[in-house]
Amino acid sequence: MAIVDLDEARGAAVAAELGGLFVRADVSSAADWARVVDRVETELGAVELAHLNAGVMTLPPTADINAAGDLAAITDAAYRRIVGINVDGVFLGLRSLAGVMAKRGRGHIVATASLAGLVPVPFDPLYAMTKHAIVGLVRSAAPALAARGIVLSAICPGGVDTPIVPDYVRAFAPPLLRPDEVGRAVVTILESTVAGGIFVVQPGKPEPEPFAPPAIELI
C-alpha cells in the first residue's frame, strides 16, 4: 500500500500506521504523478488498485457562509487551487495509472466525487463544478478503459467528517459520514466490476448504492 499526500508529516504517519509506503507529491503536478507511479511500482510492484481521493473546497473552513458563493469575490489563486487539486489531480492520476495498468490488462481506479457532483451546492459552486467534472470524466472515460481491462468508478459521498467541512456547515449539525465508513465503501466498490459506476454513500446509508442518471434520448 502507498499513501500519496502533500502533507509529509500526516501522510507519513498514516503510511507508518498501515505499514505502507509514503510518497510526498502535489497531485496537480504531472511530473509528481510520473514520479509517484515509478516509485510505487519500483518499491511495491504493479499498481492494480487506486483511490484518487485528494480534494478541497474553495475557501478555508473558517470562511464566511456567503464567501464561496460569491463568484465575483473568488480570486484567481483560489480558483486555480480547487481546479488543480479536484480536477487536474484526478485526470493526471488517472492518466498515469491507466498507462501502467493497461500494459497488464487489469486494474481498478476509484475517484472520489461527491453528492455535490450530482446536485447543486449554492454555498460553494466551484466545489460542485469540480465534482460534476469528475462524474462526467468517469462516466465518459470508463468504456475505453474497460476495453483495456481497467475498471473506472466514482464514489459520491454525502458530508464526511474531515477538516475541509466548513464551520458554517458544522453549525447546522448535519449528520456526517465517518471517514472509515467511506473507506469501507471504497473497498466494496473496488470489488465491483461495473465500469463507469457512480456510487452514492450517505450518513446512515454507508453501503454504496449505484446512481442511475435519467435516460436521455439523443435526437
Protein backbone atom coordinates (compact mmCIF):
# COMPACT_ATOMS: atom_id res chain seq x y z
CA MET A 1 0.00 0.00 0.00
CA ALA A 2 1.16 3.52 -0.81
CA ILE A 3 -0.12 6.80 0.62
CA VAL A 4 0.36 9.92 -1.51
CA ASP A 5 -0.04 13.36 0.05
CA LEU A 6 1.45 16.84 0.07
CA ASP A 7 1.37 16.89 3.89
CA GLU A 8 4.51 14.94 4.68
CA ALA A 9 4.05 14.67 8.45
CA ARG A 10 0.47 13.40 8.39
CA GLY A 11 0.92 11.31 5.27
CA ALA A 12 3.98 9.56 6.64
CA ALA A 13 2.18 8.90 9.94
CA VAL A 14 -0.75 7.23 8.16
CA ALA A 15 1.59 5.17 5.99
CA ALA A 16 3.54 4.05 9.08
CA GLU A 17 0.31 3.09 10.86
CA LEU A 18 -0.75 0.96 7.91
CA GLY A 19 2.69 -0.45 7.20
CA GLY A 20 2.77 1.20 3.78
CA LEU A 21 4.96 3.44 1.67
CA PHE A 22 4.60 7.24 1.82
CA VAL A 23 5.30 9.35 -1.24
CA ARG A 24 5.10 13.14 -0.97
CA ALA A 25 3.56 14.69 -4.07
CA ASP A 26 1.44 17.52 -5.42
CA VAL A 27 -1.44 15.80 -7.20
CA SER A 28 -1.84 18.78 -9.54
CA SER A 29 1.64 18.14 -10.96
CA ALA A 30 2.10 15.79 -13.92
CA ALA A 31 5.78 15.38 -13.05
CA ASP A 32 4.91 14.36 -9.49
CA TRP A 33 2.44 11.76 -10.73
CA ALA A 34 5.06 10.22 -13.02
CA ARG A 35 7.45 10.06 -10.07
CA VAL A 36 4.80 8.55 -7.78
CA VAL A 37 3.88 5.75 -10.15
CA ASP A 38 7.52 4.96 -10.90
CA ARG A 39 8.47 4.79 -7.22
CA VAL A 40 5.45 2.74 -6.18
CA GLU A 41 5.98 0.21 -8.96
CA THR A 42 9.69 0.02 -8.19
CA GLU A 43 9.28 -0.49 -4.45
CA LEU A 44 5.93 -2.29 -4.16
CA GLY A 45 5.28 -3.86 -7.54
CA ALA A 46 2.44 -3.45 -10.02
CA VAL A 47 -0.30 -0.96 -9.17
CA GLU A 48 -3.62 -2.77 -9.52
CA LEU A 49 -5.94 -0.76 -7.25
CA ALA A 50 -6.02 3.01 -6.75
CA HIS A 51 -8.19 5.54 -4.95
CA LEU A 52 -7.92 9.14 -6.18
CA ASN A 53 -9.17 10.94 -3.11
CA ALA A 54 -7.44 14.34 -2.82
CA GLY A 55 -9.90 17.23 -2.63
CA VAL A 56 -10.51 20.68 -1.21
CA MET A 57 -13.32 23.20 -1.01
CA THR A 58 -12.97 26.71 -2.42
CA LEU A 59 -12.20 28.54 0.82
CA PRO A 60 -10.85 27.60 4.27
CA PRO A 61 -13.34 26.02 6.72
CA THR A 62 -13.43 29.25 8.75
CA ALA A 63 -14.67 31.37 5.82
CA ASP A 64 -17.99 33.23 5.95
CA ILE A 65 -21.03 31.31 4.73
CA ASN A 66 -21.55 33.67 1.79
CA ALA A 67 -17.91 33.96 0.71
CA ALA A 68 -17.55 30.90 -1.54
CA GLY A 69 -20.94 31.50 -3.13
CA ASP A 70 -19.93 34.98 -4.29
CA LEU A 71 -18.17 34.16 -7.55
CA ALA A 72 -17.16 37.79 -8.09
CA ALA A 73 -15.07 37.64 -4.92
CA ILE A 74 -13.20 34.42 -5.75
CA THR A 75 -9.55 35.10 -6.55
CA ASP A 76 -7.68 33.54 -9.46
CA ALA A 77 -5.48 31.73 -6.95
CA ALA A 78 -8.47 30.18 -5.15
CA TYR A 79 -9.97 29.11 -8.47
CA ARG A 80 -6.73 27.55 -9.74
CA ARG A 81 -6.16 25.77 -6.44
CA ILE A 82 -9.51 23.98 -6.32
CA VAL A 83 -9.45 23.06 -10.02
CA GLY A 84 -5.82 21.96 -9.76
CA ILE A 85 -6.47 19.59 -6.88
CA ASN A 86 -10.02 18.41 -7.54
CA VAL A 87 -9.92 18.10 -11.34
CA ASP A 88 -6.30 18.12 -12.54
CA GLY A 89 -5.34 15.80 -9.70
CA VAL A 90 -7.86 13.18 -10.79
CA PHE A 91 -7.12 13.49 -14.51
CA LEU A 92 -3.34 13.38 -14.08
CA GLY A 93 -3.55 10.48 -11.65
CA LEU A 94 -5.91 8.61 -13.94
CA ARG A 95 -3.67 9.19 -16.94
CA SER A 96 -0.56 7.98 -15.14
CA LEU A 97 -2.20 4.97 -13.54
CA ALA A 98 -4.11 3.88 -16.63
CA GLY A 99 -0.88 3.91 -18.59
CA VAL A 100 0.75 1.24 -16.43
CA MET A 101 -2.42 -0.74 -15.78
CA ALA A 102 -3.21 -1.04 -19.49
CA LYS A 103 0.13 -2.73 -20.12
CA ARG A 104 -1.01 -5.59 -17.85
CA GLY A 105 -4.64 -5.54 -18.93
CA ARG A 106 -6.06 -5.12 -15.45
CA GLY A 107 -6.73 -2.59 -12.70
CA HIS A 108 -9.45 -0.68 -10.88
CA ILE A 109 -9.43 3.05 -10.11
CA VAL A 110 -11.96 4.77 -7.87
CA ALA A 111 -12.19 8.57 -7.96
CA THR A 112 -13.83 10.50 -5.15
CA ALA A 113 -16.55 12.77 -6.49
CA SER A 114 -19.33 13.83 -4.12
CA LEU A 115 -23.07 14.27 -3.84
CA ALA A 116 -22.03 17.77 -4.92
CA GLY A 117 -21.31 16.17 -8.29
CA LEU A 118 -24.97 15.20 -8.61
CA VAL A 119 -26.86 18.11 -7.02
CA PRO A 120 -26.45 21.90 -6.79
CA VAL A 121 -24.35 23.34 -3.94
CA PRO A 122 -25.17 27.07 -3.74
CA PHE A 123 -22.76 27.74 -0.87
CA ASP A 124 -19.78 26.51 -2.95
CA PRO A 125 -20.46 26.49 -6.71
CA LEU A 126 -16.82 25.85 -7.66
CA TYR A 127 -16.72 22.74 -5.49
CA ALA A 128 -19.88 21.50 -7.20
CA MET A 129 -18.35 22.29 -10.61
CA THR A 130 -15.24 20.23 -9.90
CA LYS A 131 -17.21 17.27 -8.60
CA HIS A 132 -19.61 17.33 -11.56
CA ALA A 133 -16.46 17.24 -13.72
CA ILE A 134 -15.28 14.05 -12.01
CA VAL A 135 -18.63 12.34 -12.53
CA GLY A 136 -18.56 13.29 -16.20
CA LEU A 137 -14.96 12.18 -16.63
CA VAL A 138 -15.57 8.79 -15.01
CA ARG A 139 -18.72 8.03 -16.99
CA SER A 140 -17.14 9.15 -20.26
CA ALA A 141 -13.70 7.55 -19.90
CA ALA A 142 -14.88 4.23 -18.45
CA PRO A 143 -15.85 2.43 -21.68
CA ALA A 144 -12.47 2.90 -23.37
CA LEU A 145 -10.61 1.93 -20.20
CA ALA A 146 -12.81 -1.14 -19.75
CA ALA A 147 -11.74 -2.31 -23.21
CA ARG A 148 -8.17 -2.28 -21.87
CA GLY A 149 -9.07 -4.24 -18.73
CA ILE A 150 -9.37 -1.26 -16.38
CA VAL A 151 -12.47 -0.57 -14.29
CA LEU A 152 -13.07 3.11 -13.50
CA SER A 153 -15.63 4.10 -10.87
CA ALA A 154 -16.57 7.08 -8.73
CA ILE A 155 -17.80 7.36 -5.16
CA CYS A 156 -20.15 10.22 -4.28
CA PRO A 157 -20.28 10.63 -0.51
CA GLY A 158 -22.53 12.99 1.34
CA GLY A 159 -20.88 15.12 4.00
CA VAL A 160 -17.82 13.44 5.52
CA ASP A 161 -16.32 14.43 8.86
CA THR A 162 -12.98 15.74 7.59
CA PRO A 163 -11.13 19.04 8.07
CA ILE A 164 -12.42 20.52 4.79
CA VAL A 165 -16.02 20.71 6.08
CA PRO A 166 -16.82 24.43 6.56
CA ASP A 167 -17.62 25.67 10.05
CA TYR A 168 -20.94 27.08 8.84
CA VAL A 169 -21.97 23.59 7.68
CA ARG A 170 -20.98 22.08 11.03
CA ALA A 171 -23.04 24.80 12.74
CA PHE A 172 -26.20 23.22 11.32
CA ALA A 173 -25.10 19.94 12.97
CA PRO A 174 -25.97 17.75 9.99
CA PRO A 175 -25.19 14.04 10.14
CA LEU A 176 -21.78 13.32 8.65
CA LEU A 177 -20.20 10.13 7.41
CA ARG A 178 -17.13 8.87 9.23
CA PRO A 179 -14.02 8.55 7.06
CA ASP A 180 -13.79 4.83 7.87
CA GLU A 181 -17.32 4.34 6.52
CA VAL A 182 -16.25 5.90 3.24
CA GLY A 183 -13.10 3.78 3.24
CA ARG A 184 -15.12 0.57 3.58
CA ALA A 185 -17.42 1.73 0.78
CA VAL A 186 -14.39 2.28 -1.47
CA VAL A 187 -13.22 -1.26 -0.77
CA THR A 188 -16.66 -2.56 -1.73
CA ILE A 189 -16.56 -0.56 -4.97
CA LEU A 190 -13.07 -1.85 -5.77
CA GLU A 191 -14.54 -5.35 -5.64
CA SER A 192 -17.13 -4.37 -8.24
CA THR A 193 -16.70 -4.84 -11.98
CA VAL A 194 -19.16 -2.13 -13.03
CA ALA A 195 -17.29 0.14 -15.46
CA GLY A 196 -18.28 3.76 -15.06
CA GLY A 197 -20.26 3.04 -11.92
CA ILE A 198 -21.27 6.07 -9.85
CA PHE A 199 -21.89 5.02 -6.25
CA VAL A 200 -23.60 7.12 -3.59
CA VAL A 201 -22.98 6.80 0.16
CA GLN A 202 -24.79 8.92 2.73
CA PRO A 203 -24.94 9.30 6.51
CA GLY A 204 -26.96 6.40 7.85
CA LYS A 205 -26.66 4.62 4.48
CA PRO A 206 -22.94 3.85 4.17
CA GLU A 207 -23.34 0.93 1.76
CA PRO A 208 -22.59 2.17 -1.77
CA GLU A 209 -25.69 2.47 -3.93
CA PRO A 210 -25.41 2.73 -7.74
CA PHE A 211 -26.63 6.04 -9.12
CA ALA A 212 -28.63 5.80 -12.31
CA PRO A 213 -28.91 9.12 -14.19
CA PRO A 214 -32.12 9.68 -16.13
CA ALA A 215 -32.06 8.31 -19.66
CA ILE A 216 -32.00 10.94 -22.38
CA GLU A 217 -32.88 10.12 -25.96
CA LEU A 218 -30.40 11.76 -28.28
CA ILE A 219 -32.02 13.40 -31.29
